[in-house]
Amino acid sequence: MASEQSGNATDYITVEIYDQTYHLSGQDPVHIRELAARVDAKMRAVAAQGRTVDSLRVAVLAALNLADELSQASSADPQLGHARAVNLRGLLDEVLEEERKTGS
C-alpha cells in the first residue's frame, strides 16, 4: 500500500514493507514504490524459506540477497550498478533515520 502526502515543507510517499509503514521522500514516487514493493517481496520470500520470525534478521537476510543481486547487475554495467547502490543507500538511510526518531 502506498500513498502520496503533500505537506508544507516536504512531499513524502507512504509505503508498507513487511507490515511496517514508512514515510519516504524522493524525486520519483513511482520508483520508490517499486523499490518498497521489491524489498517487501524479498523479505516475505526470505521469511517463507527460513525459520526466523525476527523481522530484523529477515531484513538483514533480504538485504544480503538484494546486495548480491545488485553486485551481479553492477558487473554487467558498473555505472548503472553504482547509481542503483547510491539510490538504495539513500533510501535505507532515510528509513533508519526515521526509525531512530520514532524508536520503532
Protein backbone atom coordinates (compact mmCIF):
# COMPACT_ATOMS: atom_id res chain seq x y z
CA MET A 1 0.00 0.00 0.00
CA ALA A 2 1.40 3.41 -0.89
CA SER A 3 0.09 6.95 -0.92
CA GLU A 4 1.47 10.40 -1.51
CA GLN A 5 1.09 13.11 1.09
CA SER A 6 1.75 16.78 0.49
CA GLY A 7 2.91 18.92 3.34
CA ASN A 8 4.10 22.48 3.60
CA ALA A 9 7.75 21.51 3.92
CA THR A 10 8.15 18.12 2.26
CA ASP A 11 6.34 15.71 -0.04
CA TYR A 12 6.58 12.11 1.05
CA ILE A 13 5.38 8.72 -0.02
CA THR A 14 3.93 6.29 2.49
CA VAL A 15 4.84 2.67 1.81
CA GLU A 16 4.40 -0.55 3.71
CA ILE A 17 7.25 -3.01 3.94
CA TYR A 18 6.81 -6.27 5.84
CA ASP A 19 3.78 -4.91 7.70
CA GLN A 20 5.58 -1.72 8.78
CA THR A 21 4.71 1.75 7.49
CA TYR A 22 7.46 4.09 6.31
CA HIS A 23 7.26 7.70 5.12
CA LEU A 24 9.90 8.29 2.46
CA SER A 25 10.76 11.28 0.35
CA GLY A 26 12.37 11.30 -3.04
CA GLN A 27 12.25 12.66 -6.54
CA ASP A 28 10.46 9.69 -8.13
CA PRO A 29 7.47 8.37 -6.14
CA VAL A 30 6.81 5.57 -8.63
CA HIS A 31 10.39 4.33 -8.32
CA ILE A 32 10.23 4.49 -4.52
CA ARG A 33 7.01 2.43 -4.55
CA GLU A 34 8.66 -0.12 -6.84
CA LEU A 35 11.67 -0.37 -4.55
CA ALA A 36 9.47 -0.75 -1.47
CA ALA A 37 7.47 -3.48 -3.19
CA ARG A 38 10.69 -5.27 -4.13
CA VAL A 39 12.04 -5.09 -0.58
CA ASP A 40 8.70 -6.28 0.81
CA ALA A 41 8.61 -9.21 -1.62
CA LYS A 42 12.21 -10.15 -0.83
CA MET A 43 11.59 -10.04 2.93
CA ARG A 44 8.48 -12.20 2.56
CA ALA A 45 10.39 -14.69 0.39
CA VAL A 46 13.21 -14.88 2.95
CA ALA A 47 10.71 -15.33 5.80
CA ALA A 48 8.89 -18.08 3.90
CA GLN A 49 12.14 -20.01 3.35
CA GLY A 50 13.58 -19.59 6.83
CA ARG A 51 12.61 -20.43 10.35
CA THR A 52 13.13 -16.99 11.84
CA VAL A 53 10.27 -14.67 12.76
CA ASP A 54 12.60 -11.89 13.88
CA SER A 55 11.96 -9.05 11.42
CA LEU A 56 15.48 -7.65 11.86
CA ARG A 57 17.05 -10.96 10.85
CA VAL A 58 14.64 -11.23 7.91
CA ALA A 59 15.60 -7.68 6.87
CA VAL A 60 19.33 -8.42 7.04
CA LEU A 61 18.95 -11.62 5.01
CA ALA A 62 16.79 -9.80 2.46
CA ALA A 63 19.40 -7.01 2.28
CA LEU A 64 22.11 -9.58 1.62
CA ASN A 65 20.03 -11.11 -1.17
CA LEU A 66 19.39 -7.69 -2.71
CA ALA A 67 23.07 -6.75 -2.37
CA ASP A 68 24.00 -9.94 -4.19
CA GLU A 69 21.55 -9.11 -6.99
CA LEU A 70 22.96 -5.59 -7.17
CA SER A 71 26.50 -6.90 -7.26
CA GLN A 72 25.65 -9.19 -10.16
CA ALA A 73 23.89 -6.38 -12.01
CA SER A 74 26.76 -3.96 -11.47
CA SER A 75 29.18 -6.45 -13.01
CA ALA A 76 27.34 -6.04 -16.29
CA ASP A 77 27.14 -2.22 -16.16
CA PRO A 78 29.24 -0.61 -13.39
CA GLN A 79 27.73 2.87 -13.82
CA LEU A 80 24.18 1.59 -13.54
CA GLY A 81 25.09 -0.58 -10.57
CA HIS A 82 26.72 2.36 -8.79
CA ALA A 83 23.72 4.61 -9.39
CA ARG A 84 21.36 1.95 -8.05
CA ALA A 85 23.56 1.42 -5.00
CA VAL A 86 23.62 5.16 -4.22
CA ASN A 87 19.83 5.34 -4.55
CA LEU A 88 19.27 2.30 -2.31
CA ARG A 89 21.74 3.60 0.27
CA GLY A 90 19.87 6.93 0.42
CA LEU A 91 16.53 5.19 0.93
CA LEU A 92 17.99 2.93 3.62
CA ASP A 93 19.46 5.97 5.40
CA GLU A 94 16.01 7.62 5.38
CA VAL A 95 14.34 4.56 6.88
CA LEU A 96 16.99 4.16 9.57
CA GLU A 97 16.78 7.85 10.47
CA GLU A 98 13.00 7.61 10.79
CA GLU A 99 13.35 4.52 12.98
CA ARG A 100 15.87 6.37 15.16
CA LYS A 101 13.43 9.27 15.59
CA THR A 102 10.38 7.14 16.33
CA GLY A 103 12.17 4.44 18.29
CA SER A 104 10.40 1.73 16.23
